[in-house]
Amino acid sequence: MSILYDKLGGAAGVELTVEKFYEKVLADERVKHFFAHTDMQQQKQHQKDFMTYAFGGAQHWNGRTMRESHKELVAEMGLTDSHFDAIAEDLVATLVEMEVPQTLIDEVVQIVGSVAHRNDVLNR
């Protein structure tokens, strides 16, 4: 059985997904303000690295934890469940646009939309 990372197209698939995803996020009135002062090239690379790891394409994660990465956004910018949901919606819309099969979209959502992941991002 191949890993989700490979099913999504490996490095090229993750690259394309991240590019299209951030196009949606930066156009999304609900969440774009969180990225107003963000180095987007660095953010995109960070997201590619995270997705590669989360979807099974890398053995180790060397970045900051989700809790640490989003701590200031929660405390200073009011990051909430509604923002988390908006980001998840943008990711699903990206995958649908890329014609990713629903079974794979469901796998992605199970990983990035889990309660544990949500609680880490929202520092609960």
PDB file of N, CA and C in Angstrom:
ATOM      1  N   MET A   1       0.843  -1.194   0.000  1.00  0.00           N
ATOM      2  CA  MET A   1       0.000   0.000   0.000  1.00  0.00           C
ATOM      3  C   MET A   1       0.881   1.247   0.000  1.00  0.00           C
ATOM      4  N   SER A   2       0.641   2.138  -0.929  1.00  0.00           N
ATOM      5  CA  SER A   2       1.480   3.324  -0.994  1.00  0.00           C
ATOM      6  C   SER A   2       0.988   4.374  -0.005  1.00  0.00           C
ATOM      7  N   ILE A   3       1.891   5.255   0.358  1.00  0.00           N
ATOM      8  CA  ILE A   3       1.574   6.281   1.354  1.00  0.00           C
ATOM      9  C   ILE A   3       0.812   7.444   0.713  1.00  0.00           C
ATOM     10  N   LEU A   4       0.113   8.181   1.529  1.00  0.00           N
ATOM     11  CA  LEU A   4      -0.688   9.305   1.064  1.00  0.00           C
ATOM     12  C   LEU A   4       0.161  10.298   0.275  1.00  0.00           C
ATOM     13  N   TYR A   5       1.363  10.564   0.723  1.00  0.00           N
ATOM     14  CA  TYR A   5       2.280  11.487   0.046  1.00  0.00           C
ATOM     15  C   TYR A   5       2.449  11.085  -1.415  1.00  0.00           C
ATOM     16  N   ASP A   6       2.688   9.813  -1.673  1.00  0.00           N
ATOM     17  CA  ASP A   6       2.856   9.331  -3.046  1.00  0.00           C
ATOM     18  C   ASP A   6       1.553   9.424  -3.827  1.00  0.00           C
ATOM     19  N   LYS A   7       0.444   9.098  -3.168  1.00  0.00           N
ATOM     20  CA  LYS A   7      -0.859   9.151  -3.832  1.00  0.00           C
ATOM     21  C   LYS A   7      -1.224  10.571  -4.255  1.00  0.00           C
ATOM     22  N   LEU A   8      -0.705  11.550  -3.522  1.00  0.00           N
ATOM     23  CA  LEU A   8      -0.981  12.955  -3.835  1.00  0.00           C
ATOM     24  C   LEU A   8       0.001  13.526  -4.857  1.00  0.00           C
ATOM     25  N   GLY A   9       0.918  12.692  -5.337  1.00  0.00           N
ATOM     26  CA  GLY A   9       1.832  13.141  -6.381  1.00  0.00           C
ATOM     27  C   GLY A   9       3.236  13.449  -5.916  1.00  0.00           C
ATOM     28  N   GLY A  10       3.580  13.042  -4.690  1.00  0.00           N
ATOM     29  CA  GLY A  10       4.936  13.256  -4.190  1.00  0.00           C
ATOM     30  C   GLY A  10       5.284  14.728  -4.081  1.00  0.00           C
ATOM     31  N   ALA A  11       6.551  15.041  -4.271  1.00  0.00           N
ATOM     32  CA  ALA A  11       7.036  16.418  -4.107  1.00  0.00           C
ATOM     33  C   ALA A  11       6.324  17.385  -5.051  1.00  0.00           C
ATOM     34  N   ALA A  12       6.127  16.979  -6.298  1.00  0.00           N
ATOM     35  CA  ALA A  12       5.466  17.857  -7.273  1.00  0.00           C
ATOM     36  C   ALA A  12       4.016  18.115  -6.867  1.00  0.00           C
ATOM     37  N   GLY A  13       3.344  17.092  -6.364  1.00  0.00           N
ATOM     38  CA  GLY A  13       1.961  17.242  -5.929  1.00  0.00           C
ATOM     39  C   GLY A  13       1.834  18.169  -4.739  1.00  0.00           C
ATOM     40  N   VAL A  14       2.735  18.015  -3.777  1.00  0.00           N
ATOM     41  CA  VAL A  14       2.722  18.881  -2.594  1.00  0.00           C
ATOM     42  C   VAL A  14       3.034  20.318  -2.998  1.00  0.00           C
ATOM     43  N   GLU A  15       4.012  20.489  -3.870  1.00  0.00           N
ATOM     44  CA  GLU A  15       4.392  21.830  -4.356  1.00  0.00           C
ATOM     45  C   GLU A  15       3.184  22.536  -4.974  1.00  0.00           C
ATOM     46  N   LEU A  16       2.507  21.876  -5.878  1.00  0.00           N
ATOM     47  CA  LEU A  16       1.352  22.449  -6.559  1.00  0.00           C
ATOM     48  C   LEU A  16       0.209  22.711  -5.579  1.00  0.00           C
ATOM     49  N   THR A  17      -0.020  21.779  -4.682  1.00  0.00           N
ATOM     50  CA  THR A  17      -1.074  21.940  -3.685  1.00  0.00           C
ATOM     51  C   THR A  17      -0.831  23.180  -2.836  1.00  0.00           C
ATOM     52  N   VAL A  18       0.397  23.340  -2.345  1.00  0.00           N
ATOM     53  CA  VAL A  18       0.720  24.483  -1.489  1.00  0.00           C
ATOM     54  C   VAL A  18       0.564  25.801  -2.251  1.00  0.00           C
ATOM     55  N   GLU A  19       1.024  25.851  -3.484  1.00  0.00           N
ATOM     56  CA  GLU A  19       0.892  27.083  -4.274  1.00  0.00           C
ATOM     57  C   GLU A  19      -0.583  27.456  -4.455  1.00  0.00           C
ATOM     58  N   LYS A  20      -1.392  26.506  -4.870  1.00  0.00           N
ATOM     59  CA  LYS A  20      -2.815  26.769  -5.100  1.00  0.00           C
ATOM     60  C   LYS A  20      -3.546  27.066  -3.778  1.00  0.00           C
ATOM     61  N   PHE A  21      -3.160  26.357  -2.726  1.00  0.00           N
ATOM     62  CA  PHE A  21      -3.758  26.561  -1.412  1.00  0.00           C
ATOM     63  C   PHE A  21      -3.552  28.001  -0.935  1.00  0.00           C
ATOM     64  N   TYR A  22      -2.326  28.506  -1.038  1.00  0.00           N
ATOM     65  CA  TYR A  22      -2.074  29.864  -0.557  1.00  0.00           C
ATOM     66  C   TYR A  22      -2.701  30.923  -1.453  1.00  0.00           C
ATOM     67  N   GLU A  23      -2.939  30.620  -2.721  1.00  0.00           N
ATOM     68  CA  GLU A  23      -3.701  31.551  -3.556  1.00  0.00           C
ATOM     69  C   GLU A  23      -5.093  31.728  -2.944  1.00  0.00           C
ATOM     70  N   LYS A  24      -5.691  30.624  -2.532  1.00  0.00           N
ATOM     71  CA  LYS A  24      -7.030  30.674  -1.931  1.00  0.00           C
ATOM     72  C   LYS A  24      -6.996  31.368  -0.569  1.00  0.00           C
ATOM     73  N   VAL A  25      -6.027  31.005   0.259  1.00  0.00           N
ATOM     74  CA  VAL A  25      -5.927  31.579   1.603  1.00  0.00           C
ATOM     75  C   VAL A  25      -5.733  33.094   1.533  1.00  0.00           C
ATOM     76  N   LEU A  26      -4.863  33.546   0.653  1.00  0.00           N
ATOM     77  CA  LEU A  26      -4.571  34.982   0.571  1.00  0.00           C
ATOM     78  C   LEU A  26      -5.720  35.775  -0.048  1.00  0.00           C
ATOM     79  N   ALA A  27      -6.669  35.091  -0.665  1.00  0.00           N
ATOM     80  CA  ALA A  27      -7.860  35.745  -1.204  1.00  0.00           C
ATOM     81  C   ALA A  27      -9.062  35.598  -0.261  1.00  0.00           C
ATOM     82  N   ASP A  28      -8.893  34.861   0.814  1.00  0.00           N
ATOM     83  CA  ASP A  28      -9.981  34.553   1.741  1.00  0.00           C
ATOM     84  C   ASP A  28     -10.064  35.642   2.809  1.00  0.00           C
ATOM     85  N   GLU A  29     -11.120  36.425   2.742  1.00  0.00           N
ATOM     86  CA  GLU A  29     -11.310  37.541   3.682  1.00  0.00           C
ATOM     87  C   GLU A  29     -11.320  37.086   5.142  1.00  0.00           C
ATOM     88  N   ARG A  30     -11.685  35.843   5.382  1.00  0.00           N
ATOM     89  CA  ARG A  30     -11.778  35.335   6.751  1.00  0.00           C
ATOM     90  C   ARG A  30     -10.406  35.150   7.398  1.00  0.00           C
ATOM     91  N   VAL A  31      -9.373  34.901   6.598  1.00  0.00           N
ATOM     92  CA  VAL A  31      -8.076  34.528   7.178  1.00  0.00           C
ATOM     93  C   VAL A  31      -6.862  35.246   6.595  1.00  0.00           C
ATOM     94  N   LYS A  32      -7.012  35.977   5.526  1.00  0.00           N
ATOM     95  CA  LYS A  32      -5.835  36.545   4.865  1.00  0.00           C
ATOM     96  C   LYS A  32      -5.052  37.508   5.764  1.00  0.00           C
ATOM     97  N   HIS A  33      -5.735  38.144   6.708  1.00  0.00           N
ATOM     98  CA  HIS A  33      -5.052  39.090   7.600  1.00  0.00           C
ATOM     99  C   HIS A  33      -3.971  38.415   8.463  1.00  0.00           C
ATOM    100  N   PHE A  34      -4.103  37.119   8.689  1.00  0.00           N
ATOM    101  CA  PHE A  34      -3.094  36.416   9.475  1.00  0.00           C
ATOM    102  C   PHE A  34      -1.753  36.347   8.740  1.00  0.00           C
ATOM    103  N   PHE A  35      -1.765  36.577   7.435  1.00  0.00           N
ATOM    104  CA  PHE A  35      -0.555  36.455   6.619  1.00  0.00           C
ATOM    105  C   PHE A  35      -0.050  37.801   6.109  1.00  0.00           C
ATOM    106  N   ALA A  36      -0.616  38.898   6.605  1.00  0.00           N
ATOM    107  CA  ALA A  36      -0.280  40.235   6.114  1.00  0.00           C
ATOM    108  C   ALA A  36       1.205  40.564   6.261  1.00  0.00           C
ATOM    109  N   HIS A  37       1.838  40.080   7.304  1.00  0.00           N
ATOM    110  CA  HIS A  37       3.254  40.397   7.551  1.00  0.00           C
ATOM    111  C   HIS A  37       4.116  39.139   7.507  1.00  0.00           C
ATOM    112  N   THR A  38       3.690  38.175   6.701  1.00  0.00           N
ATOM    113  CA  THR A  38       4.372  36.888   6.621  1.00  0.00           C
ATOM    114  C   THR A  38       5.227  36.824   5.370  1.00  0.00           C
ATOM    115  N   ASP A  39       6.433  36.309   5.512  1.00  0.00           N
ATOM    116  CA  ASP A  39       7.286  36.002   4.357  1.00  0.00           C
ATOM    117  C   ASP A  39       6.672  34.770   3.700  1.00  0.00           C
ATOM    118  N   MET A  40       5.952  34.981   2.606  1.00  0.00           N
ATOM    119  CA  MET A  40       5.187  33.883   2.015  1.00  0.00           C
ATOM    120  C   MET A  40       6.066  32.809   1.388  1.00  0.00           C
ATOM    121  N   GLN A  41       7.235  33.156   0.907  1.00  0.00           N
ATOM    122  CA  GLN A  41       8.128  32.114   0.372  1.00  0.00           C
ATOM    123  C   GLN A  41       8.541  31.171   1.504  1.00  0.00           C
ATOM    124  N   GLN A  42       8.875  31.739   2.637  1.00  0.00           N
ATOM    125  CA  GLN A  42       9.242  30.937   3.802  1.00  0.00           C
ATOM    126  C   GLN A  42       8.035  30.135   4.301  1.00  0.00           C
ATOM    127  N   GLN A  43       6.867  30.763   4.324  1.00  0.00           N
ATOM    128  CA  GLN A  43       5.650  30.089   4.777  1.00  0.00           C
ATOM    129  C   GLN A  43       5.324  28.905   3.871  1.00  0.00           C
ATOM    130  N   LYS A  44       5.431  29.109   2.577  1.00  0.00           N
ATOM    131  CA  LYS A  44       5.135  28.034   1.628  1.00  0.00           C
ATOM    132  C   LYS A  44       6.103  26.871   1.807  1.00  0.00           C
ATOM    133  N   GLN A  45       7.376  27.179   2.000  1.00  0.00           N
ATOM    134  CA  GLN A  45       8.353  26.100   2.196  1.00  0.00           C
ATOM    135  C   GLN A  45       8.061  25.342   3.486  1.00  0.00           C
ATOM    136  N   HIS A  46       7.720  26.076   4.524  1.00  0.00           N
ATOM    137  CA  HIS A  46       7.363  25.459   5.796  1.00  0.00           C
ATOM    138  C   HIS A  46       6.163  24.525   5.606  1.00  0.00           C
ATOM    139  N   GLN A  47       5.161  24.988   4.855  1.00  0.00           N
ATOM    140  CA  GLN A  47       3.951  24.189   4.619  1.00  0.00           C
ATOM    141  C   GLN A  47       4.275  22.950   3.789  1.00  0.00           C
ATOM    142  N   LYS A  48       5.130  23.093   2.803  1.00  0.00           N
ATOM    143  CA  LYS A  48       5.539  21.938   1.980  1.00  0.00           C
ATOM    144  C   LYS A  48       6.237  20.904   2.859  1.00  0.00           C
ATOM    145  N   ASP A  49       7.130  21.380   3.713  1.00  0.00           N
ATOM    146  CA  ASP A  49       7.839  20.468   4.618  1.00  0.00           C
ATOM    147  C   ASP A  49       6.864  19.765   5.555  1.00  0.00           C
ATOM    148  N   PHE A  50       5.912  20.525   6.093  1.00  0.00           N
ATOM    149  CA  PHE A  50       4.935  19.942   7.012  1.00  0.00           C
ATOM    150  C   PHE A  50       4.070  18.910   6.310  1.00  0.00           C
ATOM    151  N   MET A  51       3.548  19.255   5.137  1.00  0.00           N
ATOM    152  CA  MET A  51       2.687  18.317   4.413  1.00  0.00           C
ATOM    153  C   MET A  51       3.455  17.053   4.019  1.00  0.00           C
ATOM    154  N   THR A  52       4.699  17.230   3.622  1.00  0.00           N
ATOM    155  CA  THR A  52       5.526  16.071   3.274  1.00  0.00           C
ATOM    156  C   THR A  52       5.618  15.127   4.462  1.00  0.00           C
ATOM    157  N   TYR A  53       5.869  15.683   5.633  1.00  0.00           N
ATOM    158  CA  TYR A  53       5.956  14.875   6.853  1.00  0.00           C
ATOM    159  C   TYR A  53       4.580  14.287   7.227  1.00  0.00           C
ATOM    160  N   ALA A  54       3.562  15.139   7.279  1.00  0.00           N
ATOM    161  CA  ALA A  54       2.234  14.708   7.738  1.00  0.00           C
ATOM    162  C   ALA A  54       1.639  13.619   6.848  1.00  0.00           C
ATOM    163  N   PHE A  55       1.971  13.646   5.564  1.00  0.00           N
ATOM    164  CA  PHE A  55       1.407  12.681   4.622  1.00  0.00           C
ATOM    165  C   PHE A  55       2.327  11.491   4.372  1.00  0.00           C
ATOM    166  N   GLY A  56       3.389  11.383   5.171  1.00  0.00           N
ATOM    167  CA  GLY A  56       4.228  10.188   5.130  1.00  0.00           C
ATOM    168  C   GLY A  56       5.430  10.239   4.216  1.00  0.00           C
ATOM    169  N   GLY A  57       5.760  11.414   3.689  1.00  0.00           N
ATOM    170  CA  GLY A  57       6.891  11.526   2.770  1.00  0.00           C
ATOM    171  C   GLY A  57       8.223  11.798   3.440  1.00  0.00           C
ATOM    172  N   ALA A  58       8.210  12.015   4.750  1.00  0.00           N
ATOM    173  CA  ALA A  58       9.453  12.239   5.510  1.00  0.00           C
ATOM    174  C   ALA A  58       9.305  11.569   6.875  1.00  0.00           C
ATOM    175  N   GLN A  59      10.399  11.048   7.367  1.00  0.00           N
ATOM    176  CA  GLN A  59      10.386  10.338   8.645  1.00  0.00           C
ATOM    177  C   GLN A  59      10.352  11.264   9.857  1.00  0.00           C
ATOM    178  N   HIS A  60      10.929  12.454   9.704  1.00  0.00           N
ATOM    179  CA  HIS A  60      11.090  13.343  10.863  1.00  0.00           C
ATOM    180  C   HIS A  60      10.580  14.737  10.549  1.00  0.00           C
ATOM    181  N   TRP A  61      10.088  15.404  11.583  1.00  0.00           N
ATOM    182  CA  TRP A  61       9.669  16.799  11.501  1.00  0.00           C
ATOM    183  C   TRP A  61      10.658  17.618  12.299  1.00  0.00           C
ATOM    184  N   ASN A  62      11.292  18.577  11.638  1.00  0.00           N
ATOM    185  CA  ASN A  62      12.305  19.396  12.309  1.00  0.00           C
ATOM    186  C   ASN A  62      11.809  20.798  12.635  1.00  0.00           C
ATOM    187  N   GLY A  63      10.586  21.093  12.247  1.00  0.00           N
ATOM    188  CA  GLY A  63      10.042  22.420  12.505  1.00  0.00           C
ATOM    189  C   GLY A  63       9.485  22.554  13.911  1.00  0.00           C
ATOM    190  N   ARG A  64       8.966  23.753  14.194  1.00  0.00           N
ATOM    191  CA  ARG A  64       8.336  23.998  15.486  1.00  0.00           C
ATOM    192  C   ARG A  64       7.042  23.201  15.571  1.00  0.00           C
ATOM    193  N   THR A  65       6.588  22.978  16.778  1.00  0.00           N
ATOM    194  CA  THR A  65       5.317  22.279  16.960  1.00  0.00           C
ATOM    195  C   THR A  65       4.173  23.169  16.476  1.00  0.00           C
ATOM    196  N   MET A  66       3.033  22.558  16.216  1.00  0.00           N
ATOM    197  CA  MET A  66       1.849  23.327  15.805  1.00  0.00           C
ATOM    198  C   MET A  66       1.464  24.315  16.896  1.00  0.00           C
ATOM    199  N   ARG A  67       1.547  23.879  18.124  1.00  0.00           N
ATOM    200  CA  ARG A  67       1.204  24.724  19.263  1.00  0.00           C
ATOM    201  C   ARG A  67       2.114  25.958  19.301  1.00  0.00           C
ATOM    202  N   GLU A  68       3.404  25.730  19.174  1.00  0.00           N
ATOM    203  CA  GLU A  68       4.367  26.830  19.215  1.00  0.00           C
ATOM    204  C   GLU A  68       4.210  27.755  18.005  1.00  0.00           C
ATOM    205  N   SER A  69       4.002  27.171  16.840  1.00  0.00           N
ATOM    206  CA  SER A  69       3.888  27.957  15.605  1.00  0.00           C
ATOM    207  C   SER A  69       2.688  28.898  15.603  1.00  0.00           C
ATOM    208  N   HIS A  70       1.630  28.531  16.293  1.00  0.00           N
ATOM    209  CA  HIS A  70       0.399  29.310  16.236  1.00  0.00           C
ATOM    210  C   HIS A  70       0.089  30.069  17.534  1.00  0.00           C
ATOM    211  N   LYS A  71       0.950  29.928  18.523  1.00  0.00           N
ATOM    212  CA  LYS A  71       0.728  30.525  19.837  1.00  0.00           C
ATOM    213  C   LYS A  71       0.433  32.026  19.759  1.00  0.00           C
ATOM    214  N   GLU A  72       1.264  32.765  19.034  1.00  0.00           N
ATOM    215  CA  GLU A  72       1.069  34.212  18.924  1.00  0.00           C
ATOM    216  C   GLU A  72      -0.201  34.555  18.162  1.00  0.00           C
ATOM    217  N   LEU A  73      -0.538  33.749  17.166  1.00  0.00           N
ATOM    218  CA  LEU A  73      -1.755  34.011  16.391  1.00  0.00           C
ATOM    219  C   LEU A  73      -2.994  33.874  17.264  1.00  0.00           C
ATOM    220  N   VAL A  74      -2.959  32.936  18.187  1.00  0.00           N
ATOM    221  CA  VAL A  74      -4.079  32.759  19.109  1.00  0.00           C
ATOM    222  C   VAL A  74      -4.113  33.919  20.102  1.00  0.00           C
ATOM    223  N   ALA A  75      -2.975  34.192  20.727  1.00  0.00           N
ATOM    224  CA  ALA A  75      -2.917  35.197  21.795  1.00  0.00           C
ATOM    225  C   ALA A  75      -3.076  36.622  21.284  1.00  0.00           C
ATOM    226  N   GLU A  76      -2.457  36.943  20.151  1.00  0.00           N
ATOM    227  CA  GLU A  76      -2.407  38.329  19.705  1.00  0.00           C
ATOM    228  C   GLU A  76      -3.377  38.668  18.576  1.00  0.00           C
ATOM    229  N   MET A  77      -3.776  37.656  17.798  1.00  0.00           N
ATOM    230  CA  MET A  77      -4.634  37.941  16.651  1.00  0.00           C
ATOM    231  C   MET A  77      -5.989  37.239  16.725  1.00  0.00           C
ATOM    232  N   GLY A  78      -6.214  36.500  17.809  1.00  0.00           N
ATOM    233  CA  GLY A  78      -7.518  35.903  18.020  1.00  0.00           C
ATOM    234  C   GLY A  78      -7.862  34.725  17.119  1.00  0.00           C
ATOM    235  N   LEU A  79      -6.877  33.919  16.766  1.00  0.00           N
ATOM    236  CA  LEU A  79      -7.120  32.722  15.962  1.00  0.00           C
ATOM    237  C   LEU A  79      -8.108  31.805  16.678  1.00  0.00           C
ATOM    238  N   THR A  80      -9.179  31.407  15.968  1.00  0.00           N
ATOM    239  CA  THR A  80     -10.252  30.610  16.573  1.00  0.00           C
ATOM    240  C   THR A  80     -10.625  29.426  15.677  1.00  0.00           C
ATOM    241  N   ASP A  81     -11.598  28.657  16.156  1.00  0.00           N
ATOM    242  CA  ASP A  81     -12.124  27.529  15.386  1.00  0.00           C
ATOM    243  C   ASP A  81     -12.622  27.963  14.009  1.00  0.00           C
ATOM    244  N   SER A  82     -13.253  29.118  13.938  1.00  0.00           N
ATOM    245  CA  SER A  82     -13.787  29.558  12.641  1.00  0.00           C
ATOM    246  C   SER A  82     -12.665  29.795  11.637  1.00  0.00           C
ATOM    247  N   HIS A  83     -11.529  30.271  12.099  1.00  0.00           N
ATOM    248  CA  HIS A  83     -10.374  30.459  11.211  1.00  0.00           C
ATOM    249  C   HIS A  83      -9.786  29.109  10.805  1.00  0.00           C
ATOM    250  N   PHE A  84      -9.699  28.206  11.766  1.00  0.00           N
ATOM    251  CA  PHE A  84      -9.213  26.853  11.468  1.00  0.00           C
ATOM    252  C   PHE A  84     -10.106  26.220  10.396  1.00  0.00           C
ATOM    253  N   ASP A  85     -11.416  26.366  10.552  1.00  0.00           N
ATOM    254  CA  ASP A  85     -12.364  25.811   9.587  1.00  0.00           C
ATOM    255  C   ASP A  85     -12.191  26.448   8.210  1.00  0.00           C
ATOM    256  N   ALA A  86     -11.958  27.750   8.173  1.00  0.00           N
ATOM    257  CA  ALA A  86     -11.767  28.444   6.894  1.00  0.00           C
ATOM    258  C   ALA A  86     -10.535  27.905   6.166  1.00  0.00           C
ATOM    259  N   ILE A  87      -9.445  27.710   6.904  1.00  0.00           N
ATOM    260  CA  ILE A  87      -8.225  27.164   6.313  1.00  0.00           C
ATOM    261  C   ILE A  87      -8.483  25.746   5.800  1.00  0.00           C
ATOM    262  N   ALA A  88      -9.190  24.952   6.584  1.00  0.00           N
ATOM    263  CA  ALA A  88      -9.515  23.582   6.156  1.00  0.00           C
ATOM    264  C   ALA A  88     -10.369  23.603   4.890  1.00  0.00           C
ATOM    265  N   GLU A  89     -11.341  24.518   4.834  1.00  0.00           N
ATOM    266  CA  GLU A  89     -12.181  24.650   3.644  1.00  0.00           C
ATOM    267  C   GLU A  89     -11.349  25.023   2.426  1.00  0.00           C
ATOM    268  N   ASP A  90     -10.391  25.928   2.621  1.00  0.00           N
ATOM    269  CA  ASP A  90      -9.524  26.332   1.511  1.00  0.00           C
ATOM    270  C   ASP A  90      -8.675  25.156   1.026  1.00  0.00           C
ATOM    271  N   LEU A  91      -8.217  24.332   1.950  1.00  0.00           N
ATOM    272  CA  LEU A  91      -7.428  23.159   1.565  1.00  0.00           C
ATOM    273  C   LEU A  91      -8.287  22.170   0.783  1.00  0.00           C
ATOM    274  N   VAL A  92      -9.475  21.884   1.277  1.00  0.00           N
ATOM    275  CA  VAL A  92     -10.368  20.952   0.578  1.00  0.00           C
ATOM    276  C   VAL A  92     -10.717  21.501  -0.807  1.00  0.00           C
ATOM    277  N   ALA A  93     -11.025  22.785  -0.894  1.00  0.00           N
ATOM    278  CA  ALA A  93     -11.346  23.392  -2.196  1.00  0.00           C
ATOM    279  C   ALA A  93     -10.168  23.270  -3.158  1.00  0.00           C
ATOM    280  N   THR A  94      -8.968  23.416  -2.645  1.00  0.00           N
ATOM    281  CA  THR A  94      -7.760  23.252  -3.466  1.00  0.00           C
ATOM    282  C   THR A  94      -7.670  21.839  -4.008  1.00  0.00           C
ATOM    283  N   LEU A  95      -7.870  20.862  -3.136  1.00  0.00           N
ATOM    284  CA  LEU A  95      -7.771  19.460  -3.551  1.00  0.00           C
ATOM    285  C   LEU A  95      -8.868  19.089  -4.548  1.00  0.00           C
ATOM    286  N   VAL A  96     -10.071  19.624  -4.343  1.00  0.00           N
ATOM    287  CA  VAL A  96     -11.175  19.380  -5.282  1.00  0.00           C
ATOM    288  C   VAL A  96     -10.813  19.980  -6.649  1.00  0.00           C
ATOM    289  N   GLU A  97     -10.315  21.205  -6.628  1.00  0.00           N
ATOM    290  CA  GLU A  97      -9.918  21.881  -7.869  1.00  0.00           C
ATOM    291  C   GLU A  97      -8.845  21.082  -8.612  1.00  0.00           C
ATOM    292  N   MET A  98      -7.966  20.432  -7.862  1.00  0.00           N
ATOM    293  CA  MET A  98      -6.895  19.643  -8.458  1.00  0.00           C
ATOM    294  C   MET A  98      -7.371  18.240  -8.870  1.00  0.00           C
ATOM    295  N   GLU A  99      -8.667  17.990  -8.677  1.00  0.00           N
ATOM    296  CA  GLU A  99      -9.288  16.717  -9.037  1.00  0.00           C
ATOM    297  C   GLU A  99      -8.702  15.525  -8.278  1.00  0.00           C
ATOM    298  N   VAL A 100      -8.356  15.787  -7.011  1.00  0.00           N
ATOM    299  CA  VAL A 100      -7.904  14.708  -6.132  1.00  0.00           C
ATOM    300  C   VAL A 100      -9.134  13.873  -5.784  1.00  0.00           C
ATOM    301  N   PRO A 101      -9.023  12.550  -5.855  1.00  0.00           N
ATOM    302  CA  PRO A 101     -10.173  11.704  -5.519  1.00  0.00           C
ATOM    303  C   PRO A 101     -10.664  11.938  -4.082  1.00  0.00           C
ATOM    304  N   GLN A 102     -11.970  11.840  -3.896  1.00  0.00           N
ATOM    305  CA  GLN A 102     -12.578  12.107  -2.590  1.00  0.00           C
ATOM    306  C   GLN A 102     -11.986  11.240  -1.486  1.00  0.00           C
ATOM    307  N   THR A 103     -11.635   9.994  -1.795  1.00  0.00           N
ATOM    308  CA  THR A 103     -11.061   9.120  -0.764  1.00  0.00           C
ATOM    309  C   THR A 103      -9.746   9.687  -0.232  1.00  0.00           C
ATOM    310  N   LEU A 104      -8.953  10.310  -1.116  1.00  0.00           N
ATOM    311  CA  LEU A 104      -7.693  10.925  -0.669  1.00  0.00           C
ATOM    312  C   LEU A 104      -7.955  12.221   0.085  1.00  0.00           C
ATOM    313  N   ILE A 105      -8.939  12.984  -0.367  1.00  0.00           N
ATOM    314  CA  ILE A 105      -9.316  14.208   0.354  1.00  0.00           C
ATOM    315  C   ILE A 105      -9.746  13.841   1.776  1.00  0.00           C
ATOM    316  N   ASP A 106     -10.499  12.760   1.897  1.00  0.00           N
ATOM    317  CA  ASP A 106     -10.927  12.306   3.221  1.00  0.00           C
ATOM    318  C   ASP A 106      -9.729  11.958   4.106  1.00  0.00           C
ATOM    319  N   GLU A 107      -8.703  11.337   3.525  1.00  0.00           N
ATOM    320  CA  GLU A 107      -7.486  11.013   4.288  1.00  0.00           C
ATOM    321  C   GLU A 107      -6.787  12.279   4.754  1.00  0.00           C
ATOM    322  N   VAL A 108      -6.687  13.252   3.862  1.00  0.00           N
ATOM    323  CA  VAL A 108      -6.043  14.531   4.201  1.00  0.00           C
ATOM    324  C   VAL A 108      -6.805  15.190   5.343  1.00  0.00           C
ATOM    325  N   VAL A 109      -8.123  15.252   5.225  1.00  0.00           N
ATOM    326  CA  VAL A 109      -8.949  15.893   6.254  1.00  0.00           C
ATOM    327  C   VAL A 109      -8.808  15.173   7.587  1.00  0.00           C
ATOM    328  N   GLN A 110      -8.732  13.860   7.552  1.00  0.00           N
ATOM    329  CA  GLN A 110      -8.573  13.090   8.789  1.00  0.00           C
ATOM    330  C   GLN A 110      -7.263  13.461   9.492  1.00  0.00           C
ATOM    331  N   ILE A 111      -6.228  13.721   8.713  1.00  0.00           N
ATOM    332  CA  ILE A 111      -4.923  14.065   9.293  1.00  0.00           C
ATOM    333  C   ILE A 111      -4.906  15.513   9.780  1.00  0.00           C
ATOM    334  N   VAL A 112      -5.215  16.450   8.903  1.00  0.00           N
ATOM    335  CA  VAL A 112      -5.060  17.862   9.276  1.00  0.00           C
ATOM    336  C   VAL A 112      -6.257  18.422  10.026  1.00  0.00           C
ATOM    337  N   GLY A 113      -7.387  17.746   9.975  1.00  0.00           N
ATOM    338  CA  GLY A 113      -8.565  18.252  10.661  1.00  0.00           C
ATOM    339  C   GLY A 113      -8.892  17.537  11.953  1.00  0.00           C
ATOM    340  N   SER A 114      -7.972  16.710  12.408  1.00  0.00           N
ATOM    341  CA  SER A 114      -8.231  15.949  13.634  1.00  0.00           C
ATOM    342  C   SER A 114      -8.396  16.881  14.838  1.00  0.00           C
ATOM    343  N   VAL A 115      -9.103  16.412  15.822  1.00  0.00           N
ATOM    344  CA  VAL A 115      -9.306  17.187  17.045  1.00  0.00           C
ATOM    345  C   VAL A 115      -7.963  17.516  17.691  1.00  0.00           C
ATOM    346  N   ALA A 116      -7.062  16.558  17.727  1.00  0.00           N
ATOM    347  CA  ALA A 116      -5.746  16.790  18.336  1.00  0.00           C
ATOM    348  C   ALA A 116      -4.991  17.887  17.591  1.00  0.00           C
ATOM    349  N   HIS A 117      -5.029  17.846  16.271  1.00  0.00           N
ATOM    350  CA  HIS A 117      -4.345  18.859  15.466  1.00  0.00           C
ATOM    351  C   HIS A 117      -4.985  20.229  15.697  1.00  0.00           C
ATOM    352  N   ARG A 118      -6.313  20.278  15.678  1.00  0.00           N
ATOM    353  CA  ARG A 118      -7.044  21.528  15.926  1.00  0.00           C
ATOM    354  C   ARG A 118      -6.674  22.088  17.290  1.00  0.00           C
ATOM    355  N   ASN A 119      -6.666  21.249  18.315  1.00  0.00           N
ATOM    356  CA  ASN A 119      -6.344  21.706  19.673  1.00  0.00           C
ATOM    357  C   ASN A 119      -4.912  22.214  19.769  1.00  0.00           C
ATOM    358  N   ASP A 120      -3.988  21.574  19.057  1.00  0.00           N
ATOM    359  CA  ASP A 120      -2.606  22.057  19.050  1.00  0.00           C
ATOM    360  C   ASP A 120      -2.518  23.430  18.395  1.00  0.00           C
ATOM    361  N   VAL A 121      -3.128  23.574  17.217  1.00  0.00           N
ATOM    362  CA  VAL A 121      -3.089  24.848  16.506  1.00  0.00           C
ATOM    363  C   VAL A 121      -3.731  25.963  17.338  1.00  0.00           C
ATOM    364  N   LEU A 122      -4.832  25.640  18.013  1.00  0.00           N
ATOM    365  CA  LEU A 122      -5.551  26.661  18.785  1.00  0.00           C
ATOM    366  C   LEU A 122      -5.085  26.744  20.242  1.00  0.00           C
ATOM    367  N   ASN A 123      -3.986  26.057  20.545  1.00  0.00           N
ATOM    368  CA  ASN A 123      -3.370  26.116  21.878  1.00  0.00           C
ATOM    369  C   ASN A 123      -4.335  25.797  22.998  1.00  0.00           C
ATOM    370  N   ARG A 124      -5.054  24.684  22.865  1.00  0.00           N
ATOM    371  CA  ARG A 124      -5.985  24.256  23.911  1.00  0.00           C
ATOM    372  C   ARG A 124      -5.458  23.014  24.600  1.00  0.00           C
TER     373      ARG A 124
END
